[in-house]
Amino acid sequence: MHKIIINGGKKLEGEITVSGAKNSAVALIPAAILCDETITLANVPNISDVEALEDILKHLNAGIERRDNGELYISSNTIENKKIDKKLAKKLRASYYFMGALLGKYKKCEMCFPGGCSIGTRPIDLHLKGFEALGATIKEKGDNYIIQADELKGAKIYLDFASVGATINIMFAAVRAEGTTIINNAAKEPEIVNVATYLNNMGAKITGAGTKKIKIEGVKYLHSCFHEVIPDRIEAGTYEIIGAACSTNLKVNNIIPEHLESLNNKLKEMGVDITVNDDSAIIKESTNLKSVCVTTAVYPGFPTDLQQVLATLMTQGTGESEIHENIFENRFQNLYELKKMGAKVKVDGDRAYIKGKTTLTGTEVYATDLRAGAGLVVAGLIAEGTTVIDNADLILRGYEGIVDKLRAVGADITLK
């Protein structure tokens, strides 16, 4: 496992360019299976989650070529629909997208339960119910699932929770089903729109992506396409928070402002000096930060993926900030690591309370999950002295070149 070592207290200045969205890329790559020809994906982030998906595609005998310009070329003409075993599936949560893609294309998938960060119970029952509604049968043998259908037929499906993963997985299965599928209470995240656009570029017939009701008319053939991964709103938000925490003048490039409205509104409420332009944000040195209250919610609400990062900035605001976590029940592990650095925090069920302003002191901490690790990077940049973040491989799952990007704007940070 890698470590990230940060000598804190440096003021950052310069420009950081946001990479392609992890949460979009990890769905777009498995969806290549649905294509009957070849696809080219642009702006694909060079992160370990993408590498794990490439390993699964190679296991299935797909043709893959990663190009120096960030493009990924995938051919599914040679795919063998083999079981995806535990070693491959457990590398990341998004391995479950192969369920919908293989079911849609070949009417069968066999794989182990997916892995991912330990941020709470994340069952896949909504995915499975959606597959069953389309005509599939599901057999469970321990951690293994065998999902198959003689044929898939369109259906009306209601999601009890607006799950991003379930929405996308059902789209994958439905796009090659016979007839029309309606997904009600669908997730509305930007990544859903990016995936639907991608499938439509192949010849799918999907409407309503980005709303609560998505309609999919099944097709028999999907052709080649070129598609670009959208900018990563969570990475962009992380660097905006870093700018608020310890920069004199930091410009974050390649953003989509409407994807960041909930965060930017909270930053302004805290007193952060931020100017948002068409495709960038400029954060200047911010003093006298205030406390805020944040409630996580599905898009367009405040993203759960950013609350752990914002929690670190809350330690620098005067007063008591509050986080109400509505999505995952185990997403405050980062706060116990922040306490080691001097943060004044209290956790009470699904709520956390953070008192500031607090001086943070560098020490050895542990990244319990991807976004918790990002929050610790922010803490290390703020802190006095040296911070060592163990288990940093989790951070590399979702942030392309984070060490190089921060070093380029003045951070004293290394990866070992």
Protein backbone atom coordinates (compact mmCIF):
# COMPACT_ATOMS: atom_id res chain seq x y z
CA MET A 1 0.00 0.00 0.00
CA HIS A 2 1.19 3.50 -0.82
CA LYS A 3 1.52 6.38 1.60
CA ILE A 4 0.98 10.07 0.94
CA ILE A 5 3.28 12.34 2.93
CA ILE A 6 2.43 16.03 3.31
CA ASN A 7 4.40 18.81 4.97
CA GLY A 8 1.58 21.23 5.68
CA GLY A 9 1.23 24.96 5.95
CA LYS A 10 2.08 25.85 2.34
CA LYS A 11 -0.05 28.39 0.52
CA LEU A 12 -1.15 27.09 -2.87
CA GLU A 13 -1.33 29.14 -6.04
CA GLY A 14 -1.81 28.27 -9.70
CA GLU A 15 -4.16 26.18 -11.82
CA ILE A 16 -5.47 22.61 -11.57
CA THR A 17 -7.34 20.90 -14.40
CA VAL A 18 -10.05 18.42 -13.49
CA SER A 19 -9.92 14.95 -15.08
CA GLY A 20 -12.74 12.82 -16.44
CA ALA A 21 -15.36 11.68 -13.95
CA LYS A 22 -14.61 8.44 -12.12
CA ASN A 23 -18.29 7.75 -11.47
CA SER A 24 -19.06 8.16 -15.16
CA ALA A 25 -16.07 6.28 -16.58
CA VAL A 26 -16.67 3.21 -14.40
CA ALA A 27 -20.12 2.82 -16.00
CA LEU A 28 -19.16 3.76 -19.56
CA ILE A 29 -16.40 1.13 -19.75
CA PRO A 30 -18.59 -1.93 -18.94
CA ALA A 31 -21.27 -0.55 -21.26
CA ALA A 32 -18.89 -1.08 -24.19
CA ILE A 33 -19.94 -4.73 -24.01
CA LEU A 34 -23.38 -3.73 -25.31
CA CYS A 35 -21.88 -2.40 -28.54
CA ASP A 36 -21.77 -4.76 -31.53
CA GLU A 37 -18.79 -2.94 -33.02
CA THR A 38 -16.13 -0.78 -31.31
CA ILE A 39 -16.14 2.33 -29.15
CA THR A 40 -13.66 5.06 -28.30
CA LEU A 41 -13.92 6.84 -24.97
CA ALA A 42 -12.13 10.17 -24.49
CA ASN A 43 -11.10 11.95 -21.28
CA VAL A 44 -10.83 8.65 -19.40
CA PRO A 45 -9.11 9.20 -16.03
CA ASN A 46 -5.94 7.23 -15.34
CA ILE A 47 -7.02 5.80 -11.99
CA SER A 48 -6.89 2.36 -10.43
CA ASP A 49 -10.67 1.81 -10.70
CA VAL A 50 -10.39 2.16 -14.47
CA GLU A 51 -7.47 -0.29 -14.48
CA ALA A 52 -9.58 -2.79 -12.53
CA LEU A 53 -12.37 -2.56 -15.11
CA GLU A 54 -9.86 -3.02 -17.91
CA ASP A 55 -8.68 -6.19 -16.15
CA ILE A 56 -12.24 -7.54 -16.17
CA LEU A 57 -12.66 -6.73 -19.87
CA LYS A 58 -9.36 -8.47 -20.62
CA HIS A 59 -10.57 -11.49 -18.61
CA LEU A 60 -13.62 -11.53 -20.91
CA ASN A 61 -11.25 -11.36 -23.90
CA ALA A 62 -12.29 -7.89 -25.07
CA GLY A 63 -9.90 -5.86 -27.18
CA ILE A 64 -8.52 -2.84 -25.28
CA GLU A 65 -6.09 -0.12 -26.25
CA ARG A 66 -5.26 2.82 -23.99
CA ARG A 67 -3.84 5.76 -25.88
CA ASP A 68 -1.52 8.50 -24.60
CA ASN A 69 -4.15 11.20 -25.20
CA GLY A 70 -6.50 9.74 -22.58
CA GLU A 71 -8.59 7.78 -25.08
CA LEU A 72 -9.64 4.20 -24.48
CA TYR A 73 -10.49 1.97 -27.43
CA ILE A 74 -12.66 -1.09 -26.71
CA SER A 75 -13.79 -3.87 -29.02
CA SER A 76 -16.27 -6.42 -27.71
CA ASN A 77 -16.33 -8.58 -30.85
CA THR A 78 -14.14 -11.25 -29.25
CA ILE A 79 -15.77 -11.35 -25.81
CA GLU A 80 -16.25 -14.67 -24.04
CA ASN A 81 -19.02 -14.47 -21.45
CA LYS A 82 -17.11 -16.07 -18.60
CA LYS A 83 -17.67 -15.95 -14.85
CA ILE A 84 -16.20 -12.85 -13.18
CA ASP A 85 -14.60 -14.28 -10.08
CA LYS A 86 -14.03 -12.83 -6.63
CA LYS A 87 -10.50 -11.61 -7.29
CA LEU A 88 -11.71 -9.34 -10.10
CA ALA A 89 -15.15 -8.36 -8.82
CA LYS A 90 -13.98 -7.38 -5.34
CA LYS A 91 -11.56 -4.75 -6.63
CA LEU A 92 -14.29 -2.15 -6.95
CA ARG A 93 -17.98 -1.51 -6.43
CA ALA A 94 -18.58 -0.64 -10.09
CA SER A 95 -17.85 -4.20 -11.19
CA TYR A 96 -21.60 -4.73 -10.78
CA TYR A 97 -22.16 -2.84 -14.05
CA PHE A 98 -21.03 -5.99 -15.84
CA MET A 99 -24.22 -7.63 -14.56
CA GLY A 100 -26.49 -5.36 -16.58
CA ALA A 101 -24.18 -5.17 -19.60
CA LEU A 102 -23.64 -8.94 -19.93
CA LEU A 103 -27.29 -9.68 -19.21
CA GLY A 104 -28.38 -7.17 -21.85
CA LYS A 105 -25.99 -8.47 -24.52
CA TYR A 106 -25.82 -12.20 -23.81
CA LYS A 107 -28.84 -12.79 -21.56
CA LYS A 108 -26.58 -14.26 -18.89
CA CYS A 109 -24.04 -13.11 -16.31
CA GLU A 110 -22.22 -14.99 -13.58
CA MET A 111 -20.11 -13.04 -11.12
CA CYS A 112 -19.16 -12.52 -7.50
CA PHE A 113 -20.66 -9.79 -5.32
CA PRO A 114 -18.85 -6.49 -6.01
CA GLY A 115 -16.31 -4.81 -3.74
CA GLY A 116 -15.77 -1.13 -2.92
CA CYS A 117 -15.24 1.21 0.01
CA SER A 118 -16.65 0.30 3.43
CA ILE A 119 -18.97 3.28 3.84
CA GLY A 120 -22.07 1.38 4.85
CA THR A 121 -24.51 -1.27 3.67
CA ARG A 122 -24.81 -1.07 -0.09
CA PRO A 123 -27.05 -3.93 -1.21
CA ILE A 124 -27.75 -4.57 -4.90
CA ASP A 125 -31.36 -5.66 -4.36
CA LEU A 126 -32.73 -2.81 -6.51
CA HIS A 127 -30.51 -3.93 -9.39
CA LEU A 128 -31.69 -7.53 -9.05
CA LYS A 129 -35.37 -6.58 -8.78
CA GLY A 130 -34.99 -4.58 -11.97
CA PHE A 131 -33.43 -7.52 -13.79
CA GLU A 132 -36.26 -9.78 -12.56
CA ALA A 133 -38.85 -7.30 -13.80
CA LEU A 134 -37.26 -7.57 -17.25
CA GLY A 135 -37.62 -11.37 -17.16
CA ALA A 136 -34.37 -12.60 -15.65
CA THR A 137 -34.02 -15.29 -13.01
CA ILE A 138 -31.40 -14.97 -10.28
CA LYS A 139 -29.62 -17.72 -8.42
CA GLU A 140 -27.37 -16.98 -5.46
CA LYS A 141 -24.61 -19.32 -4.36
CA GLY A 142 -22.83 -17.68 -1.47
CA ASP A 143 -21.28 -14.51 -2.91
CA ASN A 144 -21.91 -15.65 -6.49
CA TYR A 145 -24.82 -14.60 -8.67
CA ILE A 146 -26.08 -16.33 -11.80
CA ILE A 147 -28.43 -14.01 -13.68
CA GLN A 148 -30.02 -15.22 -16.91
CA ALA A 149 -33.06 -14.96 -19.13
CA ASP A 150 -34.40 -16.72 -22.20
CA GLU A 151 -35.39 -13.25 -23.35
CA LEU A 152 -35.67 -9.79 -21.83
CA LYS A 153 -38.89 -7.85 -22.19
CA GLY A 154 -39.54 -4.21 -21.37
CA ALA A 155 -41.31 -3.43 -18.11
CA LYS A 156 -42.36 -0.63 -15.80
CA ILE A 157 -39.94 -0.47 -12.89
CA TYR A 158 -40.17 1.66 -9.76
CA LEU A 159 -37.03 2.20 -7.68
CA ASP A 160 -37.69 2.46 -3.94
CA PHE A 161 -34.57 4.64 -3.75
CA ALA A 162 -33.16 6.78 -6.56
CA SER A 163 -30.03 4.65 -6.87
CA VAL A 164 -27.45 5.69 -9.45
CA GLY A 165 -26.08 2.16 -9.79
CA ALA A 166 -29.48 0.52 -10.14
CA THR A 167 -30.67 3.12 -12.65
CA ILE A 168 -27.63 2.56 -14.87
CA ASN A 169 -27.63 -1.22 -14.54
CA ILE A 170 -31.31 -1.46 -15.47
CA MET A 171 -30.67 0.83 -18.44
CA PHE A 172 -27.93 -1.56 -19.60
CA ALA A 173 -30.23 -4.58 -19.48
CA ALA A 174 -33.22 -2.75 -20.95
CA VAL A 175 -31.43 -1.23 -23.92
CA ARG A 176 -31.28 -4.65 -25.63
CA ALA A 177 -34.65 -5.89 -24.30
CA GLU A 178 -37.72 -6.34 -26.47
CA GLY A 179 -40.22 -3.50 -26.06
CA THR A 180 -40.28 -0.45 -23.82
CA THR A 181 -38.94 -0.07 -20.28
CA ILE A 182 -39.90 2.76 -17.95
CA ILE A 183 -37.78 3.48 -14.87
CA ASN A 184 -39.68 5.57 -12.34
CA ASN A 185 -37.93 7.37 -9.48
CA ALA A 186 -34.72 7.12 -11.48
CA ALA A 187 -31.53 8.78 -10.27
CA LYS A 188 -30.87 12.18 -11.88
CA GLU A 189 -27.10 12.54 -11.43
CA PRO A 190 -25.04 14.00 -14.31
CA GLU A 191 -23.38 10.61 -14.71
CA ILE A 192 -26.77 9.13 -15.66
CA VAL A 193 -27.10 11.66 -18.48
CA ASN A 194 -23.54 10.97 -19.65
CA VAL A 195 -24.24 7.22 -19.81
CA ALA A 196 -27.58 7.66 -21.61
CA THR A 197 -25.99 9.98 -24.17
CA TYR A 198 -23.26 7.40 -24.74
CA LEU A 199 -25.77 4.61 -25.34
CA ASN A 200 -27.82 6.84 -27.63
CA ASN A 201 -24.65 7.59 -29.58
CA MET A 202 -24.46 3.83 -30.20
CA GLY A 203 -28.04 3.77 -31.47
CA ALA A 204 -30.04 3.21 -28.28
CA LYS A 205 -33.38 4.95 -27.79
CA ILE A 206 -33.34 6.49 -24.30
CA THR A 207 -35.27 9.58 -23.25
CA GLY A 208 -35.75 11.33 -19.91
CA ALA A 209 -32.24 10.86 -18.50
CA GLY A 210 -31.71 13.49 -15.83
CA THR A 211 -35.36 13.31 -14.75
CA LYS A 212 -37.26 10.93 -12.46
CA LYS A 213 -38.69 9.03 -15.43
CA ILE A 214 -36.45 7.34 -17.98
CA LYS A 215 -37.88 5.60 -21.05
CA ILE A 216 -35.87 2.97 -22.93
CA GLU A 217 -37.06 1.45 -26.20
CA GLY A 218 -35.12 -1.74 -26.81
CA VAL A 219 -32.99 -2.13 -29.93
CA LYS A 220 -31.32 -5.16 -31.51
CA TYR A 221 -28.03 -3.59 -32.62
CA LEU A 222 -25.64 -0.96 -31.26
CA HIS A 223 -22.95 0.53 -33.48
CA SER A 224 -19.56 2.21 -33.03
CA CYS A 225 -19.30 5.60 -31.38
CA PHE A 226 -16.91 8.18 -29.98
CA HIS A 227 -17.86 9.55 -26.57
CA GLU A 228 -16.28 11.85 -23.99
CA VAL A 229 -16.33 11.35 -20.23
CA ILE A 230 -17.69 14.44 -18.42
CA PRO A 231 -15.46 16.33 -15.96
CA ASP A 232 -15.39 14.87 -12.46
CA ARG A 233 -17.60 17.02 -10.22
CA ILE A 234 -16.29 15.35 -7.05
CA GLU A 235 -12.67 15.95 -8.01
CA ALA A 236 -13.56 19.54 -8.93
CA GLY A 237 -15.27 20.03 -5.59
CA THR A 238 -12.31 18.56 -3.73
CA TYR A 239 -9.93 21.06 -5.32
CA GLU A 240 -12.32 23.92 -4.66
CA ILE A 241 -12.34 22.92 -0.98
CA ILE A 242 -8.55 22.72 -1.00
CA GLY A 243 -8.47 26.21 -2.50
CA ALA A 244 -10.71 27.48 0.28
CA ALA A 245 -8.56 25.79 2.91
CA CYS A 246 -5.07 26.85 1.94
CA SER A 247 -4.66 28.84 -1.27
CA THR A 248 -3.90 32.44 -2.08
CA ASN A 249 -5.28 32.08 -5.60
CA LEU A 250 -6.27 28.71 -7.06
CA LYS A 251 -8.03 28.24 -10.40
CA VAL A 252 -9.87 24.96 -10.98
CA ASN A 253 -10.33 24.32 -14.70
CA ASN A 254 -12.63 22.01 -16.69
CA ILE A 255 -15.70 22.14 -14.47
CA ILE A 256 -19.42 22.15 -15.22
CA PRO A 257 -20.75 24.81 -12.80
CA GLU A 258 -24.30 23.48 -12.54
CA HIS A 259 -22.91 20.16 -11.29
CA LEU A 260 -21.33 22.00 -8.34
CA GLU A 261 -24.12 24.37 -7.31
CA SER A 262 -24.87 22.69 -3.97
CA LEU A 263 -21.21 22.80 -2.94
CA ASN A 264 -20.55 26.30 -4.22
CA ASN A 265 -23.56 27.64 -2.35
CA LYS A 266 -22.18 26.14 0.89
CA LEU A 267 -18.71 27.51 0.24
CA LYS A 268 -20.14 31.01 -0.24
CA GLU A 269 -22.20 30.54 2.94
CA MET A 270 -18.95 29.73 4.76
CA GLY A 271 -17.42 32.96 3.49
CA VAL A 272 -15.17 31.47 0.82
CA ASP A 273 -14.00 33.94 -1.83
CA ILE A 274 -15.00 31.97 -4.95
CA THR A 275 -15.79 33.18 -8.44
CA VAL A 276 -17.44 30.70 -10.79
CA ASN A 277 -17.01 31.13 -14.54
CA ASP A 278 -18.33 29.14 -17.51
CA ASP A 279 -15.84 26.30 -17.12
CA SER A 280 -13.67 27.22 -14.15
CA ALA A 281 -13.71 28.46 -10.57
CA ILE A 282 -11.24 30.84 -8.94
CA ILE A 283 -10.76 30.59 -5.17
CA LYS A 284 -8.82 33.32 -3.43
CA GLU A 285 -7.48 33.33 0.11
CA SER A 286 -10.43 33.05 2.43
CA THR A 287 -10.30 34.22 6.05
CA ASN A 288 -12.91 34.31 8.83
CA LEU A 289 -14.71 31.20 7.62
CA LYS A 290 -18.08 30.50 9.24
CA SER A 291 -19.77 27.30 10.37
CA VAL A 292 -22.45 25.71 8.15
CA CYS A 293 -24.97 22.88 8.22
CA VAL A 294 -24.99 20.30 5.41
CA THR A 295 -27.51 17.58 4.63
CA THR A 296 -26.51 15.04 2.02
CA ALA A 297 -29.06 14.06 -0.61
CA VAL A 298 -29.34 12.59 -4.09
CA TYR A 299 -28.54 14.97 -6.94
CA PRO A 300 -29.06 17.92 -7.13
CA GLY A 301 -28.69 17.90 -3.36
CA PHE A 302 -25.36 18.03 -1.55
CA PRO A 303 -23.30 14.98 -2.60
CA THR A 304 -22.37 12.43 0.04
CA ASP A 305 -19.04 12.04 -1.78
CA LEU A 306 -18.08 15.61 -0.78
CA GLN A 307 -19.26 15.76 2.82
CA GLN A 308 -16.13 13.97 4.09
CA VAL A 309 -13.93 16.45 2.24
CA LEU A 310 -15.92 19.47 3.40
CA ALA A 311 -15.73 18.17 6.98
CA THR A 312 -12.04 19.05 7.04
CA LEU A 313 -12.76 22.62 5.93
CA MET A 314 -15.38 22.85 8.67
CA THR A 315 -12.61 22.57 11.26
CA GLN A 316 -11.44 25.99 10.04
CA GLY A 317 -14.83 27.70 10.40
CA THR A 318 -15.77 29.62 13.54
CA GLY A 319 -18.57 27.96 15.49
CA GLU A 320 -20.14 24.51 15.25
CA SER A 321 -20.85 22.95 11.87
CA GLU A 322 -23.22 20.04 11.40
CA ILE A 323 -23.40 17.24 8.83
CA HIS A 324 -26.54 15.16 8.41
CA GLU A 325 -25.63 12.08 6.35
CA ASN A 326 -28.70 10.69 4.60
CA ILE A 327 -27.12 8.28 2.12
CA PHE A 328 -24.62 5.97 3.88
CA GLU A 329 -24.64 5.00 7.54
CA ASN A 330 -20.89 4.50 7.89
CA ARG A 331 -19.49 7.65 6.36
CA PHE A 332 -18.00 9.40 9.39
CA GLN A 333 -14.91 7.20 9.77
CA ASN A 334 -12.77 10.08 8.54
CA LEU A 335 -13.72 12.13 11.60
CA TYR A 336 -11.97 9.72 13.95
CA GLU A 337 -8.80 10.21 11.92
CA LEU A 338 -9.28 13.99 11.99
CA LYS A 339 -9.51 13.79 15.79
CA LYS A 340 -5.97 12.41 15.82
CA MET A 341 -4.92 15.69 14.20
CA GLY A 342 -6.72 17.82 16.80
CA ALA A 343 -10.18 18.23 15.31
CA LYS A 344 -13.06 18.69 17.74
CA VAL A 345 -15.77 16.37 16.46
CA LYS A 346 -18.72 14.43 17.80
CA VAL A 347 -20.70 11.75 16.00
CA ASP A 348 -24.29 10.99 16.95
CA GLY A 349 -25.91 8.46 14.65
CA ASP A 350 -26.35 10.01 11.22
CA ARG A 351 -25.19 13.43 12.40
CA ALA A 352 -21.75 14.83 13.05
CA TYR A 353 -20.79 18.05 14.81
CA ILE A 354 -17.51 19.84 14.13
CA LYS A 355 -16.27 22.77 16.20
CA GLY A 356 -13.83 25.33 14.86
CA LYS A 357 -11.63 27.12 14.35
CA THR A 358 -9.13 24.40 15.23
CA THR A 359 -5.40 24.10 14.64
CA LEU A 360 -4.62 20.75 13.02
CA THR A 361 -1.31 19.01 13.70
CA GLY A 362 0.32 16.53 11.36
CA THR A 363 0.44 12.88 12.41
CA GLU A 364 -0.02 9.40 10.96
CA VAL A 365 -3.58 8.74 9.79
CA TYR A 366 -5.39 6.06 7.81
CA ALA A 367 -7.57 6.46 4.71
CA THR A 368 -10.60 4.33 5.53
CA ASP A 369 -12.19 4.95 2.13
CA LEU A 370 -11.69 7.01 -1.02
CA ARG A 371 -13.35 10.28 0.00
CA ALA A 372 -12.21 9.98 3.61
CA GLY A 373 -8.69 9.85 2.21
CA ALA A 374 -9.31 12.98 0.16
CA GLY A 375 -10.47 14.74 3.31
CA LEU A 376 -7.24 13.73 5.01
CA VAL A 377 -5.25 15.21 2.13
CA VAL A 378 -6.99 18.52 2.80
CA ALA A 379 -6.17 18.14 6.51
CA GLY A 380 -2.52 17.43 5.76
CA LEU A 381 -2.27 20.54 3.59
CA ILE A 382 -3.72 22.66 6.41
CA ALA A 383 -1.89 21.06 9.31
CA GLU A 384 1.26 22.13 11.07
CA GLY A 385 4.05 19.63 10.57
CA THR A 386 4.04 16.34 8.66
CA THR A 387 1.03 14.16 7.92
CA VAL A 388 1.42 10.57 6.74
CA ILE A 389 -1.68 9.06 5.14
CA ASP A 390 -1.58 5.26 5.15
CA ASN A 391 -3.69 3.13 2.78
CA ALA A 392 -3.41 5.87 0.16
CA ASP A 393 -4.16 3.43 -2.66
CA LEU A 394 -7.82 4.13 -1.92
CA ILE A 395 -7.27 7.79 -2.81
CA LEU A 396 -5.64 6.82 -6.09
CA ARG A 397 -8.83 4.94 -7.00
CA GLY A 398 -10.61 8.20 -7.69
CA TYR A 399 -8.13 11.07 -8.18
CA GLU A 400 -5.93 11.05 -11.26
CA GLY A 401 -2.47 12.44 -10.53
CA ILE A 402 -3.55 14.08 -7.27
CA VAL A 403 0.01 14.28 -5.91
CA ASP A 404 1.44 15.80 -9.10
CA LYS A 405 -1.46 18.23 -9.45
CA LEU A 406 -1.04 19.52 -5.89
CA ARG A 407 2.72 19.66 -6.10
CA ALA A 408 2.41 21.79 -9.24
CA VAL A 409 0.54 24.49 -7.29
CA GLY A 410 2.96 24.56 -4.36
CA ALA A 411 2.09 21.70 -2.04
CA ASP A 412 4.89 19.77 -0.33
CA ILE A 413 3.44 16.32 -1.02
CA THR A 414 4.92 12.98 -2.04
CA LEU A 415 3.70 9.47 -2.79
CA LYS A 416 5.67 6.55 -1.39
